[in-house]
């Protein structure tokens, strides 16, 4: 799960480092600073407020991962501006966020830096106007979800984009409540995805280099995995909870899958038909399943041998061999 309390700290530290490298003010020597009673220390970046603008349908399950995430953010001190989605888009959220940006930018002394966490290029006009009001703009995003225009449009931001991909080790923490045995094995997920893509749902496609692949759109694959019931949940929820989402799961197994349009919200999950040996894949799945069963059985057997917890210092070699059989 994400440690939302540390997200503002990570962003503040990154911007602080960029400020130290890009300051245009002249350096003051120690002697000059002391004689003029001026501090040499540069201004510290301090995030004083974090607001999340979001929406979900009224029919959304209160126990869904999306709602739980918003609850976690609110518990971490974020101001939550939640709206109800009535259509397919979330333009009401975009408008509310842009209005608030411009509102605070026009209040003198309200903020020095406006930090926008997004990958949407629709906020570029708002960023340009905020900078015109004398407020610096910073953008925080993820590599695969960041529109290229946010990086290429001139005069819309004052810092390099802060990519959270580089800080995941500081933001993502293991969920201690979840036991390892409660999650399904990755090979089971791969087997289900292969069955969907290589079946009638997948579409044949020739790449520019002439390679034949069979692929499925991420949305269609996600709907299928959501309908695939496993234990107390569904396979899509397992992927999001354990592996961080479908995109990250696919990227973890490049020997099985490839991705096209990886930077877009909807992408293609592809299987190279020419290089895919289905028998080899099936053997790998079976091998992983056997290995998993063997580990579980070994753990059970070790736990079932109370003799191994005895004092063995007085045992003979023959007796020790008997215990280890």
C-alpha atoms as a PDB file:
ATOM      1  CA  UNK A   1       0.000   0.000   0.000  1.00  0.00           C
ATOM      2  CA  UNK A   2       1.023   3.643  -0.415  1.00  0.00           C
ATOM      3  CA  UNK A   3       2.309   5.654   2.512  1.00  0.00           C
ATOM      4  CA  UNK A   4       0.380   8.823   1.702  1.00  0.00           C
ATOM      5  CA  UNK A   5       1.886  10.707   4.648  1.00  0.00           C
ATOM      6  CA  UNK A   6       5.342  10.522   3.038  1.00  0.00           C
ATOM      7  CA  UNK A   7       4.272  11.692  -0.423  1.00  0.00           C
ATOM      8  CA  UNK A   8       4.432  15.448   0.407  1.00  0.00           C
ATOM      9  CA  UNK A   9       7.830  14.911   2.085  1.00  0.00           C
ATOM     10  CA  UNK A  10       9.242  13.137  -0.966  1.00  0.00           C
ATOM     11  CA  UNK A  11       8.007  15.882  -3.313  1.00  0.00           C
ATOM     12  CA  UNK A  12       9.295  18.652  -1.036  1.00  0.00           C
ATOM     13  CA  UNK A  13      12.754  17.059  -0.860  1.00  0.00           C
ATOM     14  CA  UNK A  14      12.929  16.685  -4.644  1.00  0.00           C
ATOM     15  CA  UNK A  15      11.944  20.327  -5.225  1.00  0.00           C
ATOM     16  CA  UNK A  16      14.426  21.423  -2.557  1.00  0.00           C
ATOM     17  CA  UNK A  17      17.228  19.703  -4.445  1.00  0.00           C
ATOM     18  CA  UNK A  18      16.178  21.330  -7.706  1.00  0.00           C
ATOM     19  CA  UNK A  19      16.045  24.753  -6.046  1.00  0.00           C
ATOM     20  CA  UNK A  20      19.575  24.364  -4.731  1.00  0.00           C
ATOM     21  CA  UNK A  21      20.813  23.751  -8.276  1.00  0.00           C
ATOM     22  CA  UNK A  22      18.745  26.400 -10.073  1.00  0.00           C
ATOM     23  CA  UNK A  23      18.935  29.413  -7.772  1.00  0.00           C
ATOM     24  CA  UNK A  24      19.627  32.641  -9.625  1.00  0.00           C
ATOM     25  CA  UNK A  25      20.510  34.657  -6.519  1.00  0.00           C
ATOM     26  CA  UNK A  26      24.177  35.371  -5.801  1.00  0.00           C
ATOM     27  CA  UNK A  27      26.056  33.465  -3.119  1.00  0.00           C
ATOM     28  CA  UNK A  28      26.877  35.392   0.074  1.00  0.00           C
ATOM     29  CA  UNK A  29      30.125  34.631   1.854  1.00  0.00           C
ATOM     30  CA  UNK A  30      30.074  33.671   5.526  1.00  0.00           C
ATOM     31  CA  UNK A  31      31.792  36.910   6.555  1.00  0.00           C
ATOM     32  CA  UNK A  32      29.444  39.075   4.490  1.00  0.00           C
ATOM     33  CA  UNK A  33      26.404  37.229   5.794  1.00  0.00           C
ATOM     34  CA  UNK A  34      27.537  37.689   9.396  1.00  0.00           C
ATOM     35  CA  UNK A  35      28.370  41.406   8.999  1.00  0.00           C
ATOM     36  CA  UNK A  36      25.028  42.109   7.290  1.00  0.00           C
ATOM     37  CA  UNK A  37      23.078  39.825   9.617  1.00  0.00           C
ATOM     38  CA  UNK A  38      21.808  37.836   6.606  1.00  0.00           C
ATOM     39  CA  UNK A  39      21.201  34.101   6.658  1.00  0.00           C
ATOM     40  CA  UNK A  40      23.000  32.071   3.963  1.00  0.00           C
ATOM     41  CA  UNK A  41      20.521  29.234   4.215  1.00  0.00           C
ATOM     42  CA  UNK A  42      18.178  28.950   1.258  1.00  0.00           C
ATOM     43  CA  UNK A  43      14.394  28.960   1.720  1.00  0.00           C
ATOM     44  CA  UNK A  44      13.031  25.552   2.658  1.00  0.00           C
ATOM     45  CA  UNK A  45      10.252  23.952   0.640  1.00  0.00           C
ATOM     46  CA  UNK A  46       7.408  23.190   3.010  1.00  0.00           C
ATOM     47  CA  UNK A  47       4.123  21.760   1.800  1.00  0.00           C
ATOM     48  CA  UNK A  48       1.430  23.249   4.006  1.00  0.00           C
ATOM     49  CA  UNK A  49      -1.664  21.790   2.362  1.00  0.00           C
ATOM     50  CA  UNK A  50      -2.461  18.815   0.133  1.00  0.00           C
ATOM     51  CA  UNK A  51      -5.830  18.619  -1.589  1.00  0.00           C
ATOM     52  CA  UNK A  52      -7.143  15.666  -3.590  1.00  0.00           C
ATOM     53  CA  UNK A  53      -9.853  16.266  -6.195  1.00  0.00           C
ATOM     54  CA  UNK A  54     -11.650  13.099  -7.180  1.00  0.00           C
ATOM     55  CA  UNK A  55     -14.991  11.537  -7.975  1.00  0.00           C
ATOM     56  CA  UNK A  56     -16.757   8.211  -8.097  1.00  0.00           C
ATOM     57  CA  UNK A  57     -20.196   6.943  -8.921  1.00  0.00           C
ATOM     58  CA  UNK A  58     -22.879   6.725  -6.269  1.00  0.00           C
ATOM     59  CA  UNK A  59     -23.043   2.983  -6.912  1.00  0.00           C
ATOM     60  CA  UNK A  60     -19.348   2.508  -6.061  1.00  0.00           C
ATOM     61  CA  UNK A  61     -18.834  -0.099  -3.370  1.00  0.00           C
ATOM     62  CA  UNK A  62     -17.695   1.561  -0.126  1.00  0.00           C
ATOM     63  CA  UNK A  63     -15.293  -1.342   0.404  1.00  0.00           C
ATOM     64  CA  UNK A  64     -13.685  -0.991  -3.028  1.00  0.00           C
ATOM     65  CA  UNK A  65      -9.948  -0.301  -3.320  1.00  0.00           C
ATOM     66  CA  UNK A  66     -10.701   3.142  -4.785  1.00  0.00           C
ATOM     67  CA  UNK A  67     -12.783   4.265  -1.825  1.00  0.00           C
ATOM     68  CA  UNK A  68     -10.340   2.735   0.655  1.00  0.00           C
ATOM     69  CA  UNK A  69      -7.531   4.694  -0.974  1.00  0.00           C
ATOM     70  CA  UNK A  70      -9.440   7.959  -0.521  1.00  0.00           C
ATOM     71  CA  UNK A  71     -10.090   7.082   3.122  1.00  0.00           C
ATOM     72  CA  UNK A  72      -6.372   6.466   3.632  1.00  0.00           C
ATOM     73  CA  UNK A  73      -5.530   9.827   2.079  1.00  0.00           C
ATOM     74  CA  UNK A  74      -8.024  11.617   4.309  1.00  0.00           C
ATOM     75  CA  UNK A  75      -6.558   9.891   7.376  1.00  0.00           C
ATOM     76  CA  UNK A  76      -3.108  11.095   6.249  1.00  0.00           C
ATOM     77  CA  UNK A  77      -4.291  14.725   6.378  1.00  0.00           C
ATOM     78  CA  UNK A  78      -5.306  15.401   2.787  1.00  0.00           C
ATOM     79  CA  UNK A  79      -8.265  17.689   2.103  1.00  0.00           C
ATOM     80  CA  UNK A  80     -10.618  15.527   0.041  1.00  0.00           C
ATOM     81  CA  UNK A  81     -12.844  17.240  -2.550  1.00  0.00           C
ATOM     82  CA  UNK A  82     -15.096  14.392  -3.666  1.00  0.00           C
ATOM     83  CA  UNK A  83     -17.742  14.687  -6.375  1.00  0.00           C
ATOM     84  CA  UNK A  84     -20.254  12.269  -7.794  1.00  0.00           C
ATOM     85  CA  UNK A  85     -19.645  11.114 -11.363  1.00  0.00           C
ATOM     86  CA  UNK A  86     -22.783  11.323 -13.483  1.00  0.00           C
ATOM     87  CA  UNK A  87     -21.250  10.615 -16.900  1.00  0.00           C
ATOM     88  CA  UNK A  88     -18.301   8.839 -18.424  1.00  0.00           C
ATOM     89  CA  UNK A  89     -15.806  11.667 -17.820  1.00  0.00           C
ATOM     90  CA  UNK A  90     -14.545  13.550 -14.794  1.00  0.00           C
ATOM     91  CA  UNK A  91     -14.475  17.067 -16.241  1.00  0.00           C
ATOM     92  CA  UNK A  92     -16.184  18.428 -13.126  1.00  0.00           C
ATOM     93  CA  UNK A  93     -13.098  17.396 -11.147  1.00  0.00           C
ATOM     94  CA  UNK A  94     -10.725  19.031 -13.647  1.00  0.00           C
ATOM     95  CA  UNK A  95     -12.658  22.291 -13.554  1.00  0.00           C
ATOM     96  CA  UNK A  96     -12.796  22.359  -9.744  1.00  0.00           C
ATOM     97  CA  UNK A  97      -9.037  21.781  -9.507  1.00  0.00           C
ATOM     98  CA  UNK A  98      -8.225  24.477 -12.076  1.00  0.00           C
ATOM     99  CA  UNK A  99     -10.522  26.981 -10.371  1.00  0.00           C
ATOM    100  CA  UNK A 100      -8.871  26.393  -6.997  1.00  0.00           C
ATOM    101  CA  UNK A 101      -5.403  26.802  -8.528  1.00  0.00           C
ATOM    102  CA  UNK A 102      -6.299  30.188  -9.979  1.00  0.00           C
ATOM    103  CA  UNK A 103      -8.164  31.214  -6.825  1.00  0.00           C
ATOM    104  CA  UNK A 104      -5.170  30.753  -4.524  1.00  0.00           C
ATOM    105  CA  UNK A 105      -2.801  32.206  -7.115  1.00  0.00           C
ATOM    106  CA  UNK A 106      -4.690  35.505  -6.960  1.00  0.00           C
ATOM    107  CA  UNK A 107      -4.546  35.723  -3.135  1.00  0.00           C
ATOM    108  CA  UNK A 108      -1.307  37.501  -2.149  1.00  0.00           C
ATOM    109  CA  UNK A 109       0.929  35.387   0.070  1.00  0.00           C
ATOM    110  CA  UNK A 110      -1.242  32.287  -0.113  1.00  0.00           C
ATOM    111  CA  UNK A 111       1.415  30.145  -1.791  1.00  0.00           C
ATOM    112  CA  UNK A 112       4.817  30.414  -3.443  1.00  0.00           C
ATOM    113  CA  UNK A 113       4.729  27.120  -5.338  1.00  0.00           C
ATOM    114  CA  UNK A 114       1.689  25.355  -6.777  1.00  0.00           C
ATOM    115  CA  UNK A 115       2.405  21.616  -7.013  1.00  0.00           C
ATOM    116  CA  UNK A 116       0.147  19.713  -9.393  1.00  0.00           C
ATOM    117  CA  UNK A 117       0.067  15.914  -9.342  1.00  0.00           C
ATOM    118  CA  UNK A 118      -1.292  14.917 -12.740  1.00  0.00           C
ATOM    119  CA  UNK A 119      -0.481  13.467 -16.123  1.00  0.00           C
ATOM    120  CA  UNK A 120      -3.223  15.366 -17.958  1.00  0.00           C
ATOM    121  CA  UNK A 121      -2.229  18.050 -20.470  1.00  0.00           C
ATOM    122  CA  UNK A 122      -5.614  19.793 -20.019  1.00  0.00           C
ATOM    123  CA  UNK A 123      -4.141  21.634 -17.017  1.00  0.00           C
ATOM    124  CA  UNK A 124      -1.500  23.433 -19.093  1.00  0.00           C
ATOM    125  CA  UNK A 125      -3.608  26.636 -19.580  1.00  0.00           C
ATOM    126  CA  UNK A 126      -4.228  26.820 -15.820  1.00  0.00           C
ATOM    127  CA  UNK A 127      -0.507  26.373 -15.117  1.00  0.00           C
ATOM    128  CA  UNK A 128       0.348  29.184 -17.548  1.00  0.00           C
ATOM    129  CA  UNK A 129      -2.091  31.552 -15.831  1.00  0.00           C
ATOM    130  CA  UNK A 130      -0.860  30.645 -12.346  1.00  0.00           C
ATOM    131  CA  UNK A 131       2.721  31.457 -13.373  1.00  0.00           C
ATOM    132  CA  UNK A 132       1.536  34.792 -14.771  1.00  0.00           C
ATOM    133  CA  UNK A 133       0.338  35.606 -11.237  1.00  0.00           C
ATOM    134  CA  UNK A 134       3.888  35.193  -9.922  1.00  0.00           C
ATOM    135  CA  UNK A 135       3.429  31.712  -8.444  1.00  0.00           C
ATOM    136  CA  UNK A 136       5.893  28.967  -9.362  1.00  0.00           C
ATOM    137  CA  UNK A 137       4.457  25.728 -10.748  1.00  0.00           C
ATOM    138  CA  UNK A 138       5.741  22.180 -10.241  1.00  0.00           C
ATOM    139  CA  UNK A 139       4.339  19.001 -11.787  1.00  0.00           C
ATOM    140  CA  UNK A 140       4.427  15.556 -10.160  1.00  0.00           C
ATOM    141  CA  UNK A 141       3.583  12.524 -12.270  1.00  0.00           C
ATOM    142  CA  UNK A 142       4.467   8.970 -13.317  1.00  0.00           C
ATOM    143  CA  UNK A 143       6.461   8.221 -16.463  1.00  0.00           C
ATOM    144  CA  UNK A 144       3.811   6.018 -18.042  1.00  0.00           C
ATOM    145  CA  UNK A 145       0.912   8.291 -17.150  1.00  0.00           C
ATOM    146  CA  UNK A 146       2.444  11.651 -18.028  1.00  0.00           C
ATOM    147  CA  UNK A 147       1.402  13.320 -21.259  1.00  0.00           C
ATOM    148  CA  UNK A 148       4.387  14.425 -23.319  1.00  0.00           C
ATOM    149  CA  UNK A 149       3.015  17.978 -23.604  1.00  0.00           C
ATOM    150  CA  UNK A 150       3.566  18.542 -19.882  1.00  0.00           C
ATOM    151  CA  UNK A 151       7.278  18.147 -20.452  1.00  0.00           C
ATOM    152  CA  UNK A 152       7.549  19.910 -23.790  1.00  0.00           C
ATOM    153  CA  UNK A 153       5.318  22.987 -23.374  1.00  0.00           C
ATOM    154  CA  UNK A 154       7.480  26.046 -22.601  1.00  0.00           C
ATOM    155  CA  UNK A 155       6.799  28.497 -19.751  1.00  0.00           C
ATOM    156  CA  UNK A 156       4.270  26.283 -17.959  1.00  0.00           C
ATOM    157  CA  UNK A 157       6.395  25.099 -15.028  1.00  0.00           C
ATOM    158  CA  UNK A 158       9.452  26.163 -13.031  1.00  0.00           C
ATOM    159  CA  UNK A 159      10.867  22.738 -12.149  1.00  0.00           C
ATOM    160  CA  UNK A 160      11.673  19.508 -13.866  1.00  0.00           C
ATOM    161  CA  UNK A 161       8.800  17.038 -13.534  1.00  0.00           C
ATOM    162  CA  UNK A 162       9.061  15.019 -10.332  1.00  0.00           C
ATOM    163  CA  UNK A 163       8.521  11.410 -11.371  1.00  0.00           C
ATOM    164  CA  UNK A 164       7.285   9.265  -8.498  1.00  0.00           C
ATOM    165  CA  UNK A 165       8.599   6.131 -10.235  1.00  0.00           C
ATOM    166  CA  UNK A 166      12.013   7.033  -8.794  1.00  0.00           C
ATOM    167  CA  UNK A 167      10.693   7.144  -5.233  1.00  0.00           C
ATOM    168  CA  UNK A 168       8.469   4.058  -4.998  1.00  0.00           C
ATOM    169  CA  UNK A 169      10.747   2.427  -2.419  1.00  0.00           C
ATOM    170  CA  UNK A 170       9.997   5.352  -0.098  1.00  0.00           C
ATOM    171  CA  UNK A 171       6.275   5.436  -0.824  1.00  0.00           C
ATOM    172  CA  UNK A 172       5.136   1.826  -1.176  1.00  0.00           C
ATOM    173  CA  UNK A 173       5.175  -0.246   1.989  1.00  0.00           C
ATOM    174  CA  UNK A 174       4.217  -3.934   2.425  1.00  0.00           C
ATOM    175  CA  UNK A 175       0.725  -4.557   3.706  1.00  0.00           C
ATOM    176  CA  UNK A 176       1.359  -6.378   6.960  1.00  0.00           C
ATOM    177  CA  UNK A 177      -2.279  -7.422   7.222  1.00  0.00           C
ATOM    178  CA  UNK A 178      -2.052  -9.530   4.095  1.00  0.00           C
ATOM    179  CA  UNK A 179      -0.588 -13.011   4.387  1.00  0.00           C
ATOM    180  CA  UNK A 180       1.502 -14.405   1.534  1.00  0.00           C
ATOM    181  CA  UNK A 181      -0.615 -17.525   1.267  1.00  0.00           C
ATOM    182  CA  UNK A 182      -3.734 -15.400   0.802  1.00  0.00           C
ATOM    183  CA  UNK A 183      -2.612 -14.153  -2.617  1.00  0.00           C
ATOM    184  CA  UNK A 184      -2.806 -16.226  -5.765  1.00  0.00           C
ATOM    185  CA  UNK A 185       0.387 -17.238  -7.549  1.00  0.00           C
ATOM    186  CA  UNK A 186       1.613 -15.073 -10.434  1.00  0.00           C
ATOM    187  CA  UNK A 187       1.669 -18.055 -12.772  1.00  0.00           C
ATOM    188  CA  UNK A 188      -2.063 -18.542 -12.219  1.00  0.00           C
ATOM    189  CA  UNK A 189      -2.614 -14.969 -13.406  1.00  0.00           C
ATOM    190  CA  UNK A 190      -0.362 -15.486 -16.429  1.00  0.00           C
ATOM    191  CA  UNK A 191      -2.247 -18.675 -17.319  1.00  0.00           C
ATOM    192  CA  UNK A 192      -5.592 -16.845 -17.155  1.00  0.00           C
ATOM    193  CA  UNK A 193      -4.298 -13.962 -19.280  1.00  0.00           C
ATOM    194  CA  UNK A 194      -2.859 -16.365 -21.871  1.00  0.00           C
ATOM    195  CA  UNK A 195      -6.189 -18.136 -22.085  1.00  0.00           C
ATOM    196  CA  UNK A 196      -8.001 -14.853 -22.721  1.00  0.00           C
ATOM    197  CA  UNK A 197      -5.560 -13.366 -25.246  1.00  0.00           C
ATOM    198  CA  UNK A 198      -4.813 -16.544 -27.208  1.00  0.00           C
ATOM    199  CA  UNK A 199      -8.501 -17.466 -27.290  1.00  0.00           C
ATOM    200  CA  UNK A 200     -11.252 -15.876 -29.307  1.00  0.00           C
ATOM    201  CA  UNK A 201     -10.951 -12.579 -27.416  1.00  0.00           C
ATOM    202  CA  UNK A 202      -7.448 -11.803 -28.692  1.00  0.00           C
ATOM    203  CA  UNK A 203      -6.764 -10.067 -32.005  1.00  0.00           C
ATOM    204  CA  UNK A 204      -3.944 -10.905 -34.392  1.00  0.00           C
ATOM    205  CA  UNK A 205      -1.708  -7.967 -35.247  1.00  0.00           C
ATOM    206  CA  UNK A 206       1.427  -7.482 -37.335  1.00  0.00           C
ATOM    207  CA  UNK A 207       3.992  -5.059 -35.941  1.00  0.00           C
ATOM    208  CA  UNK A 208       5.990  -2.749 -38.190  1.00  0.00           C
ATOM    209  CA  UNK A 209       8.850  -5.254 -38.230  1.00  0.00           C
ATOM    210  CA  UNK A 210       6.491  -7.981 -39.475  1.00  0.00           C
ATOM    211  CA  UNK A 211       6.259  -9.822 -36.144  1.00  0.00           C
ATOM    212  CA  UNK A 212       2.927 -11.533 -35.600  1.00  0.00           C
ATOM    213  CA  UNK A 213       1.409 -11.002 -32.149  1.00  0.00           C
ATOM    214  CA  UNK A 214      -1.920 -11.664 -30.568  1.00  0.00           C
ATOM    215  CA  UNK A 215      -3.160  -8.966 -28.255  1.00  0.00           C
ATOM    216  CA  UNK A 216      -6.027  -7.666 -26.159  1.00  0.00           C
ATOM    217  CA  UNK A 217      -6.859  -4.156 -24.973  1.00  0.00           C
ATOM    218  CA  UNK A 218      -6.160  -3.540 -21.302  1.00  0.00           C
ATOM    219  CA  UNK A 219      -9.770  -2.537 -20.577  1.00  0.00           C
ATOM    220  CA  UNK A 220     -11.164  -5.770 -22.051  1.00  0.00           C
ATOM    221  CA  UNK A 221      -8.534  -7.816 -20.236  1.00  0.00           C
ATOM    222  CA  UNK A 222      -9.277  -5.970 -16.997  1.00  0.00           C
ATOM    223  CA  UNK A 223     -13.003  -6.702 -17.272  1.00  0.00           C
ATOM    224  CA  UNK A 224     -12.263 -10.373 -17.822  1.00  0.00           C
ATOM    225  CA  UNK A 225      -9.898 -10.552 -14.844  1.00  0.00           C
ATOM    226  CA  UNK A 226     -12.487  -8.766 -12.705  1.00  0.00           C
ATOM    227  CA  UNK A 227     -15.037 -11.462 -13.553  1.00  0.00           C
ATOM    228  CA  UNK A 228     -12.516 -14.202 -12.704  1.00  0.00           C
ATOM    229  CA  UNK A 229     -13.339 -15.142  -9.119  1.00  0.00           C
ATOM    230  CA  UNK A 230     -10.487 -16.302  -6.881  1.00  0.00           C
ATOM    231  CA  UNK A 231     -10.795 -17.072  -3.195  1.00  0.00           C
ATOM    232  CA  UNK A 232     -12.614 -14.131  -1.542  1.00  0.00           C
ATOM    233  CA  UNK A 233     -11.975 -11.623  -4.324  1.00  0.00           C
ATOM    234  CA  UNK A 234     -11.398 -11.416  -8.068  1.00  0.00           C
ATOM    235  CA  UNK A 235      -8.189 -11.686 -10.082  1.00  0.00           C
ATOM    236  CA  UNK A 236      -8.044  -7.979 -11.027  1.00  0.00           C
ATOM    237  CA  UNK A 237      -8.268  -6.923  -7.369  1.00  0.00           C
ATOM    238  CA  UNK A 238      -5.484  -9.380  -6.560  1.00  0.00           C
ATOM    239  CA  UNK A 239      -3.287  -7.876  -9.278  1.00  0.00           C
ATOM    240  CA  UNK A 240      -3.896  -4.343  -8.000  1.00  0.00           C
ATOM    241  CA  UNK A 241      -3.371  -5.270  -4.366  1.00  0.00           C
ATOM    242  CA  UNK A 242      -0.284  -7.468  -4.716  1.00  0.00           C
ATOM    243  CA  UNK A 243       1.379  -6.305  -7.945  1.00  0.00           C
ATOM    244  CA  UNK A 244       0.343  -2.644  -8.160  1.00  0.00           C
ATOM    245  CA  UNK A 245      -1.930  -2.938 -11.186  1.00  0.00           C
ATOM    246  CA  UNK A 246      -2.164  -4.670 -14.546  1.00  0.00           C
ATOM    247  CA  UNK A 247       0.407  -2.443 -16.260  1.00  0.00           C
ATOM    248  CA  UNK A 248       3.036  -3.147 -13.588  1.00  0.00           C
ATOM    249  CA  UNK A 249       2.258  -6.864 -13.576  1.00  0.00           C
ATOM    250  CA  UNK A 250       2.763  -7.134 -17.327  1.00  0.00           C
ATOM    251  CA  UNK A 251       6.022  -5.146 -17.120  1.00  0.00           C
ATOM    252  CA  UNK A 252       7.270  -7.572 -14.466  1.00  0.00           C
ATOM    253  CA  UNK A 253       7.025 -10.519 -16.878  1.00  0.00           C
ATOM    254  CA  UNK A 254       8.577  -9.379 -20.200  1.00  0.00           C
ATOM    255  CA  UNK A 255       9.255 -13.002 -21.138  1.00  0.00           C
ATOM    256  CA  UNK A 256       5.521 -13.597 -21.350  1.00  0.00           C
ATOM    257  CA  UNK A 257       4.061 -10.229 -22.427  1.00  0.00           C
ATOM    258  CA  UNK A 258       4.855  -6.986 -24.205  1.00  0.00           C
ATOM    259  CA  UNK A 259       2.988  -3.685 -24.142  1.00  0.00           C
ATOM    260  CA  UNK A 260       2.080  -1.257 -26.915  1.00  0.00           C
ATOM    261  CA  UNK A 261       1.049   2.339 -26.185  1.00  0.00           C
ATOM    262  CA  UNK A 262       2.467   1.946 -22.684  1.00  0.00           C
ATOM    263  CA  UNK A 263       2.207   5.691 -22.042  1.00  0.00           C
ATOM    264  CA  UNK A 264      -1.537   5.797 -22.635  1.00  0.00           C
ATOM    265  CA  UNK A 265      -4.327   5.096 -20.158  1.00  0.00           C
ATOM    266  CA  UNK A 266      -5.560   2.200 -22.326  1.00  0.00           C
ATOM    267  CA  UNK A 267      -2.853  -0.030 -23.781  1.00  0.00           C
ATOM    268  CA  UNK A 268      -2.413  -3.310 -25.633  1.00  0.00           C
ATOM    269  CA  UNK A 269      -1.135  -6.438 -23.892  1.00  0.00           C
ATOM    270  CA  UNK A 270       0.579  -8.570 -26.511  1.00  0.00           C
ATOM    271  CA  UNK A 271       1.889 -12.123 -26.832  1.00  0.00           C
ATOM    272  CA  UNK A 272       4.442 -12.925 -29.518  1.00  0.00           C
ATOM    273  CA  UNK A 273       2.881 -15.913 -31.285  1.00  0.00           C
ATOM    274  CA  UNK A 274       6.013 -16.741 -33.271  1.00  0.00           C
ATOM    275  CA  UNK A 275       8.250 -16.964 -30.209  1.00  0.00           C
ATOM    276  CA  UNK A 276       5.680 -18.317 -27.778  1.00  0.00           C
ATOM    277  CA  UNK A 277       6.010 -22.006 -27.084  1.00  0.00           C
ATOM    278  CA  UNK A 278       2.731 -22.817 -25.405  1.00  0.00           C
ATOM    279  CA  UNK A 279       3.985 -26.167 -24.161  1.00  0.00           C
ATOM    280  CA  UNK A 280       6.970 -24.434 -22.544  1.00  0.00           C
ATOM    281  CA  UNK A 281       4.676 -21.897 -20.902  1.00  0.00           C
ATOM    282  CA  UNK A 282       2.450 -24.672 -19.586  1.00  0.00           C
ATOM    283  CA  UNK A 283       5.498 -26.533 -18.230  1.00  0.00           C
ATOM    284  CA  UNK A 284       6.691 -23.365 -16.523  1.00  0.00           C
ATOM    285  CA  UNK A 285       3.270 -22.874 -14.959  1.00  0.00           C
ATOM    286  CA  UNK A 286       3.193 -26.468 -13.758  1.00  0.00           C
ATOM    287  CA  UNK A 287       6.782 -26.213 -12.460  1.00  0.00           C
ATOM    288  CA  UNK A 288       5.944 -23.101 -10.455  1.00  0.00           C
ATOM    289  CA  UNK A 289       2.818 -24.771  -9.080  1.00  0.00           C
ATOM    290  CA  UNK A 290       4.779 -27.872  -8.055  1.00  0.00           C
ATOM    291  CA  UNK A 291       7.483 -25.713  -6.468  1.00  0.00           C
ATOM    292  CA  UNK A 292       4.892 -23.746  -4.530  1.00  0.00           C
ATOM    293  CA  UNK A 293       3.237 -26.956  -3.299  1.00  0.00           C
ATOM    294  CA  UNK A 294       6.613 -28.404  -2.326  1.00  0.00           C
ATOM    295  CA  UNK A 295       7.509 -25.324  -0.277  1.00  0.00           C
ATOM    296  CA  UNK A 296       4.159 -25.381   1.485  1.00  0.00           C
ATOM    297  CA  UNK A 297       4.468 -29.113   2.226  1.00  0.00           C
ATOM    298  CA  UNK A 298       8.015 -28.680   3.493  1.00  0.00           C
ATOM    299  CA  UNK A 299       6.885 -25.906   5.820  1.00  0.00           C
ATOM    300  CA  UNK A 300       4.101 -28.115   7.140  1.00  0.00           C
ATOM    301  CA  UNK A 301       6.427 -31.066   7.702  1.00  0.00           C
ATOM    302  CA  UNK A 302       9.008 -28.980   9.516  1.00  0.00           C
ATOM    303  CA  UNK A 303       6.348 -27.499  11.757  1.00  0.00           C
ATOM    304  CA  UNK A 304       5.012 -30.996  12.446  1.00  0.00           C
ATOM    305  CA  UNK A 305       8.328 -32.320  13.816  1.00  0.00           C
ATOM    306  CA  UNK A 306       8.433 -31.262  17.472  1.00  0.00           C
ATOM    307  CA  UNK A 307      11.578 -33.342  17.924  1.00  0.00           C
ATOM    308  CA  UNK A 308      13.570 -30.700  16.047  1.00  0.00           C
ATOM    309  CA  UNK A 309      12.840 -28.241  18.852  1.00  0.00           C
ATOM    310  CA  UNK A 310      14.392 -30.537  21.458  1.00  0.00           C
ATOM    311  CA  UNK A 311      17.857 -30.185  22.941  1.00  0.00           C
ATOM    312  CA  UNK A 312      20.020 -32.097  20.449  1.00  0.00           C
ATOM    313  CA  UNK A 313      23.325 -31.739  22.262  1.00  0.00           C
ATOM    314  CA  UNK A 314      23.006 -35.185  23.888  1.00  0.00           C
ATOM    315  CA  UNK A 315      21.920 -37.025  20.701  1.00  0.00           C
ATOM    316  CA  UNK A 316      24.181 -39.435  18.859  1.00  0.00           C
ATOM    317  CA  UNK A 317      24.890 -39.163  15.138  1.00  0.00           C
ATOM    318  CA  UNK A 318      22.592 -42.110  14.426  1.00  0.00           C
ATOM    319  CA  UNK A 319      19.780 -40.501  16.404  1.00  0.00           C
ATOM    320  CA  UNK A 320      20.265 -37.175  14.630  1.00  0.00           C
ATOM    321  CA  UNK A 321      20.072 -38.856  11.219  1.00  0.00           C
ATOM    322  CA  UNK A 322      16.848 -40.556  12.255  1.00  0.00           C
ATOM    323  CA  UNK A 323      15.320 -37.235  13.290  1.00  0.00           C
ATOM    324  CA  UNK A 324      16.187 -35.622   9.963  1.00  0.00           C
ATOM    325  CA  UNK A 325      14.639 -38.350   7.805  1.00  0.00           C
END
